[in-house]
Amino acid sequence: MKQAVNAGAVRKLERVCVFCGSSGGNDPGYLAAAKSVGQLLARRGITLVFGGGRVGMMGAVAEAALTNGGKVIGVIPAGLVRKEQPRDDLTELHITQTMHERKQMMAELADGFIALPGGFGTFEEFCEVITWAQLGIHTKPCGLLNVKHYYAGLLTLFDHAQAEGFLRPAFRRLVLTADEPEELLAAMEQYAEPAIERWLTRQAV
């Protein structure tokens, strides 16, 4: 799938929001990928925005970023504080009242979005920011890190939706994908929004 990039311009990403699981999965390669993303963001001076917890993939990406001198902003709803155990050494920690407020704040803080392997929550968070891009609410790059082909089935579904007429080709191109963190970050930095007919007036997010 050809993705929207602009070779003549580089998008500055100061903060990247990472969606990922509160568990680590069955394959150690998933946690390793989360650590690689945290390390990469820290090395590049990009602040990590994430769900705030110290468990699973969330904990791994934050730990790696902090260990490598990066800045990390956590956003967590009050109802999940006990379950997901936010770290006390984050650069910033925001506790919201609801999940909706959490997602809104994460979106406002970030210049782009990466989804690592995760479950229903990760799928929902990524599909929501893609939908916002489709509606013109934001123009920020949205990428899936396809660790060990984890998102192969979802990408096939997106292609099927396009083939069946439920997803325009321009909307499909909103989804950036790569197998390696460096490759995905490069695609996000070169991202140029495809020409899309809009139904909504763009809002600031």
C-alpha atoms as a PDB file:
ATOM      1  CA  MET A   1       0.000   0.000   0.000  1.00  0.00           C
ATOM      2  CA  LYS A   2       1.501   3.323  -1.090  1.00  0.00           C
ATOM      3  CA  GLN A   3       1.540   5.763   1.783  1.00  0.00           C
ATOM      4  CA  ALA A   4       1.414   9.537   1.845  1.00  0.00           C
ATOM      5  CA  VAL A   5       4.876  11.014   2.150  1.00  0.00           C
ATOM      6  CA  ASN A   6       6.442  14.286   1.140  1.00  0.00           C
ATOM      7  CA  ALA A   7      10.105  13.920   0.278  1.00  0.00           C
ATOM      8  CA  GLY A   8      10.594  17.684   0.277  1.00  0.00           C
ATOM      9  CA  ALA A   9       9.550  18.366   3.853  1.00  0.00           C
ATOM     10  CA  VAL A  10      10.198  16.876   7.262  1.00  0.00           C
ATOM     11  CA  ARG A  11       7.492  17.111   9.882  1.00  0.00           C
ATOM     12  CA  LYS A  12       8.801  18.028  13.331  1.00  0.00           C
ATOM     13  CA  LEU A  13       7.598  15.567  15.938  1.00  0.00           C
ATOM     14  CA  GLU A  14       8.156  16.933  19.426  1.00  0.00           C
ATOM     15  CA  ARG A  15       5.724  14.577  21.163  1.00  0.00           C
ATOM     16  CA  VAL A  16       4.537  11.164  20.006  1.00  0.00           C
ATOM     17  CA  CYS A  17       1.653   9.306  21.596  1.00  0.00           C
ATOM     18  CA  VAL A  18       2.117   5.535  21.844  1.00  0.00           C
ATOM     19  CA  PHE A  19      -0.920   3.288  22.215  1.00  0.00           C
ATOM     20  CA  CYS A  20      -0.109  -0.200  23.481  1.00  0.00           C
ATOM     21  CA  GLY A  21      -1.234  -3.053  25.681  1.00  0.00           C
ATOM     22  CA  SER A  22      -1.320  -3.192  29.464  1.00  0.00           C
ATOM     23  CA  SER A  23       0.002  -6.737  29.082  1.00  0.00           C
ATOM     24  CA  GLY A  24       3.217  -7.856  27.443  1.00  0.00           C
ATOM     25  CA  GLY A  25       1.855 -10.608  25.203  1.00  0.00           C
ATOM     26  CA  ASN A  26       3.169 -14.131  24.860  1.00  0.00           C
ATOM     27  CA  ASP A  27       6.211 -13.404  22.699  1.00  0.00           C
ATOM     28  CA  PRO A  28       9.143 -11.518  24.274  1.00  0.00           C
ATOM     29  CA  GLY A  29       9.600  -9.772  20.933  1.00  0.00           C
ATOM     30  CA  TYR A  30       6.639  -7.528  21.734  1.00  0.00           C
ATOM     31  CA  LEU A  31       8.203  -6.110  24.890  1.00  0.00           C
ATOM     32  CA  ALA A  32      11.514  -5.785  23.053  1.00  0.00           C
ATOM     33  CA  ALA A  33       9.787  -3.686  20.388  1.00  0.00           C
ATOM     34  CA  ALA A  34       8.217  -1.453  23.038  1.00  0.00           C
ATOM     35  CA  LYS A  35      11.641  -0.880  24.567  1.00  0.00           C
ATOM     36  CA  SER A  36      13.078  -0.073  21.138  1.00  0.00           C
ATOM     37  CA  VAL A  37      10.407   2.576  20.588  1.00  0.00           C
ATOM     38  CA  GLY A  38      11.076   4.157  23.976  1.00  0.00           C
ATOM     39  CA  GLN A  39      14.805   4.211  23.314  1.00  0.00           C
ATOM     40  CA  LEU A  40      14.357   5.675  19.849  1.00  0.00           C
ATOM     41  CA  LEU A  41      12.100   8.493  21.038  1.00  0.00           C
ATOM     42  CA  ALA A  42      14.526   9.365  23.840  1.00  0.00           C
ATOM     43  CA  ARG A  43      17.519   9.386  21.471  1.00  0.00           C
ATOM     44  CA  ARG A  44      15.667  11.670  19.084  1.00  0.00           C
ATOM     45  CA  GLY A  45      14.598  14.068  21.836  1.00  0.00           C
ATOM     46  CA  ILE A  46      10.918  13.254  21.279  1.00  0.00           C
ATOM     47  CA  THR A  47       8.677  13.246  24.343  1.00  0.00           C
ATOM     48  CA  LEU A  48       6.661  10.072  24.857  1.00  0.00           C
ATOM     49  CA  VAL A  49       2.953  10.469  25.600  1.00  0.00           C
ATOM     50  CA  PHE A  50       1.377   7.233  26.824  1.00  0.00           C
ATOM     51  CA  GLY A  51      -1.315   5.699  29.006  1.00  0.00           C
ATOM     52  CA  GLY A  52       0.567   6.234  32.248  1.00  0.00           C
ATOM     53  CA  GLY A  53       0.806   2.681  33.573  1.00  0.00           C
ATOM     54  CA  ARG A  54       3.892   0.741  34.638  1.00  0.00           C
ATOM     55  CA  VAL A  55       2.524  -2.616  33.451  1.00  0.00           C
ATOM     56  CA  GLY A  56       2.915  -4.535  30.190  1.00  0.00           C
ATOM     57  CA  MET A  57       3.848  -2.777  26.971  1.00  0.00           C
ATOM     58  CA  MET A  58       3.077   0.603  28.541  1.00  0.00           C
ATOM     59  CA  GLY A  59       5.589   0.018  31.291  1.00  0.00           C
ATOM     60  CA  ALA A  60       8.252  -1.198  28.871  1.00  0.00           C
ATOM     61  CA  VAL A  61       8.079   1.787  26.522  1.00  0.00           C
ATOM     62  CA  ALA A  62       8.109   4.281  29.400  1.00  0.00           C
ATOM     63  CA  GLU A  63      10.951   2.537  31.223  1.00  0.00           C
ATOM     64  CA  ALA A  64      13.097   2.542  28.092  1.00  0.00           C
ATOM     65  CA  ALA A  65      12.445   6.213  27.390  1.00  0.00           C
ATOM     66  CA  LEU A  66      13.212   7.281  30.956  1.00  0.00           C
ATOM     67  CA  THR A  67      16.312   5.100  31.226  1.00  0.00           C
ATOM     68  CA  ASN A  68      17.675   6.756  28.093  1.00  0.00           C
ATOM     69  CA  GLY A  69      17.083  10.278  29.346  1.00  0.00           C
ATOM     70  CA  GLY A  70      13.799  10.916  27.580  1.00  0.00           C
ATOM     71  CA  LYS A  71      10.773  12.885  28.717  1.00  0.00           C
ATOM     72  CA  VAL A  72       7.586  10.920  29.397  1.00  0.00           C
ATOM     73  CA  ILE A  73       4.048  12.212  29.915  1.00  0.00           C
ATOM     74  CA  GLY A  74       1.500   9.786  31.333  1.00  0.00           C
ATOM     75  CA  VAL A  75      -2.267  10.216  31.075  1.00  0.00           C
ATOM     76  CA  ILE A  76      -4.454   7.852  33.075  1.00  0.00           C
ATOM     77  CA  PRO A  77      -8.082   7.875  34.264  1.00  0.00           C
ATOM     78  CA  ALA A  78      -8.634   7.766  38.013  1.00  0.00           C
ATOM     79  CA  GLY A  79     -10.440   4.445  37.740  1.00  0.00           C
ATOM     80  CA  LEU A  80      -7.320   2.703  36.396  1.00  0.00           C
ATOM     81  CA  VAL A  81      -4.722   4.129  38.773  1.00  0.00           C
ATOM     82  CA  ARG A  82      -4.792   1.110  41.100  1.00  0.00           C
ATOM     83  CA  LYS A  83      -4.819  -1.433  38.264  1.00  0.00           C
ATOM     84  CA  GLU A  84      -2.184   0.092  35.986  1.00  0.00           C
ATOM     85  CA  GLN A  85       0.006   1.581  38.744  1.00  0.00           C
ATOM     86  CA  PRO A  86       1.418   4.797  37.252  1.00  0.00           C
ATOM     87  CA  ARG A  87       5.119   5.447  37.780  1.00  0.00           C
ATOM     88  CA  ASP A  88       6.165   8.180  40.187  1.00  0.00           C
ATOM     89  CA  ASP A  89       9.158   9.296  38.096  1.00  0.00           C
ATOM     90  CA  LEU A  90       7.347  10.496  34.974  1.00  0.00           C
ATOM     91  CA  THR A  91       8.049  13.965  33.610  1.00  0.00           C
ATOM     92  CA  GLU A  92       4.337  14.679  33.918  1.00  0.00           C
ATOM     93  CA  LEU A  93       1.377  12.609  35.092  1.00  0.00           C
ATOM     94  CA  HIS A  94      -2.185  13.672  34.322  1.00  0.00           C
ATOM     95  CA  ILE A  95      -5.081  11.902  36.038  1.00  0.00           C
ATOM     96  CA  THR A  96      -8.389  12.342  34.228  1.00  0.00           C
ATOM     97  CA  GLN A  97     -11.892  11.537  35.347  1.00  0.00           C
ATOM     98  CA  THR A  98     -12.889   9.458  32.326  1.00  0.00           C
ATOM     99  CA  MET A  99     -11.424   7.415  29.490  1.00  0.00           C
ATOM    100  CA  HIS A 100     -12.800   9.960  27.021  1.00  0.00           C
ATOM    101  CA  GLU A 101     -10.884  12.743  28.741  1.00  0.00           C
ATOM    102  CA  ARG A 102      -7.756  10.573  28.728  1.00  0.00           C
ATOM    103  CA  LYS A 103      -7.920  10.014  24.973  1.00  0.00           C
ATOM    104  CA  GLN A 104      -8.691  13.669  24.268  1.00  0.00           C
ATOM    105  CA  MET A 105      -5.717  14.848  26.323  1.00  0.00           C
ATOM    106  CA  MET A 106      -3.341  12.342  24.741  1.00  0.00           C
ATOM    107  CA  ALA A 107      -4.461  13.496  21.296  1.00  0.00           C
ATOM    108  CA  GLU A 108      -4.014  17.164  22.177  1.00  0.00           C
ATOM    109  CA  LEU A 109      -0.530  16.612  23.586  1.00  0.00           C
ATOM    110  CA  ALA A 110       0.826  14.612  20.645  1.00  0.00           C
ATOM    111  CA  ASP A 111       2.150  15.512  17.199  1.00  0.00           C
ATOM    112  CA  GLY A 112       1.671  11.944  15.959  1.00  0.00           C
ATOM    113  CA  PHE A 113       0.489   8.499  17.015  1.00  0.00           C
ATOM    114  CA  ILE A 114       2.025   5.016  17.067  1.00  0.00           C
ATOM    115  CA  ALA A 115       0.156   1.825  17.912  1.00  0.00           C
ATOM    116  CA  LEU A 116       2.197  -1.074  19.274  1.00  0.00           C
ATOM    117  CA  PRO A 117       0.642  -4.499  19.830  1.00  0.00           C
ATOM    118  CA  GLY A 118      -2.270  -4.437  22.248  1.00  0.00           C
ATOM    119  CA  GLY A 119      -5.871  -5.470  22.717  1.00  0.00           C
ATOM    120  CA  PHE A 120      -9.293  -3.897  22.265  1.00  0.00           C
ATOM    121  CA  GLY A 121      -8.256  -0.641  23.954  1.00  0.00           C
ATOM    122  CA  THR A 122      -5.282  -0.183  21.626  1.00  0.00           C
ATOM    123  CA  PHE A 123      -7.373  -1.013  18.554  1.00  0.00           C
ATOM    124  CA  GLU A 124     -10.046   1.456  19.621  1.00  0.00           C
ATOM    125  CA  GLU A 125      -7.595   4.253  20.389  1.00  0.00           C
ATOM    126  CA  PHE A 126      -5.830   3.907  17.054  1.00  0.00           C
ATOM    127  CA  CYS A 127      -9.030   3.643  15.018  1.00  0.00           C
ATOM    128  CA  GLU A 128     -10.396   6.725  16.771  1.00  0.00           C
ATOM    129  CA  VAL A 129      -7.426   8.932  15.859  1.00  0.00           C
ATOM    130  CA  ILE A 130      -7.575   7.580  12.300  1.00  0.00           C
ATOM    131  CA  THR A 131     -11.261   8.462  12.173  1.00  0.00           C
ATOM    132  CA  TRP A 132     -10.465  11.965  13.430  1.00  0.00           C
ATOM    133  CA  ALA A 133      -7.888  12.282  10.642  1.00  0.00           C
ATOM    134  CA  GLN A 134     -10.485  11.092   8.127  1.00  0.00           C
ATOM    135  CA  LEU A 135     -12.926  13.734   9.347  1.00  0.00           C
ATOM    136  CA  GLY A 136     -10.314  16.484   9.259  1.00  0.00           C
ATOM    137  CA  ILE A 137     -10.208  17.009  13.031  1.00  0.00           C
ATOM    138  CA  HIS A 138      -6.417  16.695  12.864  1.00  0.00           C
ATOM    139  CA  THR A 139      -3.655  16.174  10.277  1.00  0.00           C
ATOM    140  CA  LYS A 140      -1.218  14.253  12.475  1.00  0.00           C
ATOM    141  CA  PRO A 141       0.475  11.058  11.227  1.00  0.00           C
ATOM    142  CA  CYS A 142      -0.884   7.755  12.540  1.00  0.00           C
ATOM    143  CA  GLY A 143       1.283   4.636  12.352  1.00  0.00           C
ATOM    144  CA  LEU A 144       0.999   0.945  13.147  1.00  0.00           C
ATOM    145  CA  LEU A 145       4.230  -0.775  14.195  1.00  0.00           C
ATOM    146  CA  ASN A 146       3.646  -4.205  12.719  1.00  0.00           C
ATOM    147  CA  VAL A 147       5.778  -6.171  15.192  1.00  0.00           C
ATOM    148  CA  LYS A 148       6.027  -9.821  14.147  1.00  0.00           C
ATOM    149  CA  HIS A 149       3.161  -9.145  11.703  1.00  0.00           C
ATOM    150  CA  TYR A 150       0.849  -8.531  14.653  1.00  0.00           C
ATOM    151  CA  TYR A 151      -1.327  -6.148  12.650  1.00  0.00           C
ATOM    152  CA  ALA A 152      -1.410  -8.185   9.432  1.00  0.00           C
ATOM    153  CA  GLY A 153      -5.035  -9.172  10.008  1.00  0.00           C
ATOM    154  CA  LEU A 154      -6.135  -5.612  10.744  1.00  0.00           C
ATOM    155  CA  LEU A 155      -4.362  -4.289   7.662  1.00  0.00           C
ATOM    156  CA  THR A 156      -6.064  -6.987   5.591  1.00  0.00           C
ATOM    157  CA  LEU A 157      -9.392  -5.822   7.004  1.00  0.00           C
ATOM    158  CA  PHE A 158      -8.611  -2.233   6.013  1.00  0.00           C
ATOM    159  CA  ASP A 159      -7.751  -3.391   2.484  1.00  0.00           C
ATOM    160  CA  HIS A 160     -10.974  -5.423   2.353  1.00  0.00           C
ATOM    161  CA  ALA A 161     -12.991  -2.395   3.457  1.00  0.00           C
ATOM    162  CA  GLN A 162     -11.443  -0.389   0.633  1.00  0.00           C
ATOM    163  CA  ALA A 163     -12.074  -3.137  -1.921  1.00  0.00           C
ATOM    164  CA  GLU A 164     -15.725  -3.384  -0.851  1.00  0.00           C
ATOM    165  CA  GLY A 165     -16.303   0.357  -1.136  1.00  0.00           C
ATOM    166  CA  PHE A 166     -16.487   1.238   2.563  1.00  0.00           C
ATOM    167  CA  LEU A 167     -13.114   2.985   2.705  1.00  0.00           C
ATOM    168  CA  ARG A 168     -11.840   5.447   0.144  1.00  0.00           C
ATOM    169  CA  PRO A 169      -8.247   4.921  -1.076  1.00  0.00           C
ATOM    170  CA  ALA A 170      -7.256   8.315   0.362  1.00  0.00           C
ATOM    171  CA  PHE A 171      -8.556   7.262   3.777  1.00  0.00           C
ATOM    172  CA  ARG A 172      -6.672   3.980   3.585  1.00  0.00           C
ATOM    173  CA  ARG A 173      -3.480   5.945   3.001  1.00  0.00           C
ATOM    174  CA  LEU A 174      -3.921   7.646   6.354  1.00  0.00           C
ATOM    175  CA  VAL A 175      -2.599   4.466   8.003  1.00  0.00           C
ATOM    176  CA  LEU A 176       1.205   4.340   7.988  1.00  0.00           C
ATOM    177  CA  THR A 177       2.828   0.973   8.654  1.00  0.00           C
ATOM    178  CA  ALA A 178       6.320  -0.391   9.183  1.00  0.00           C
ATOM    179  CA  ASP A 179       8.023  -3.366  10.798  1.00  0.00           C
ATOM    180  CA  GLU A 180      10.803  -1.360  12.498  1.00  0.00           C
ATOM    181  CA  PRO A 181      10.521   1.724  14.748  1.00  0.00           C
ATOM    182  CA  GLU A 182      13.065   3.776  12.771  1.00  0.00           C
ATOM    183  CA  GLU A 183      11.232   3.113   9.519  1.00  0.00           C
ATOM    184  CA  LEU A 184       7.875   4.072  10.991  1.00  0.00           C
ATOM    185  CA  LEU A 185       9.186   7.260  12.580  1.00  0.00           C
ATOM    186  CA  ALA A 186      10.760   8.270   9.266  1.00  0.00           C
ATOM    187  CA  ALA A 187       7.433   7.728   7.485  1.00  0.00           C
ATOM    188  CA  MET A 188       5.679   9.851  10.105  1.00  0.00           C
ATOM    189  CA  GLU A 189       8.202  12.666   9.694  1.00  0.00           C
ATOM    190  CA  GLN A 190       7.666  12.635   5.919  1.00  0.00           C
ATOM    191  CA  TYR A 191       3.905  12.275   6.120  1.00  0.00           C
ATOM    192  CA  ALA A 192       1.828  14.532   3.908  1.00  0.00           C
ATOM    193  CA  GLU A 193      -1.913  14.335   4.309  1.00  0.00           C
ATOM    194  CA  PRO A 194      -3.606  12.958   1.170  1.00  0.00           C
ATOM    195  CA  ALA A 195      -6.160  15.146  -0.578  1.00  0.00           C
ATOM    196  CA  ILE A 196      -9.472  14.249   1.040  1.00  0.00           C
ATOM    197  CA  GLU A 197     -12.974  15.632   0.610  1.00  0.00           C
ATOM    198  CA  ARG A 198     -14.076  16.787   4.049  1.00  0.00           C
ATOM    199  CA  TRP A 199     -17.444  16.812   5.762  1.00  0.00           C
ATOM    200  CA  LEU A 200     -16.328  18.625   8.922  1.00  0.00           C
ATOM    201  CA  THR A 201     -14.502  21.862   9.591  1.00  0.00           C
ATOM    202  CA  ARG A 202     -11.096  21.114  11.081  1.00  0.00           C
ATOM    203  CA  GLN A 203     -10.866  21.514  14.834  1.00  0.00           C
ATOM    204  CA  ALA A 204      -7.743  21.887  16.915  1.00  0.00           C
ATOM    205  CA  VAL A 205      -6.658  18.560  18.407  1.00  0.00           C
END
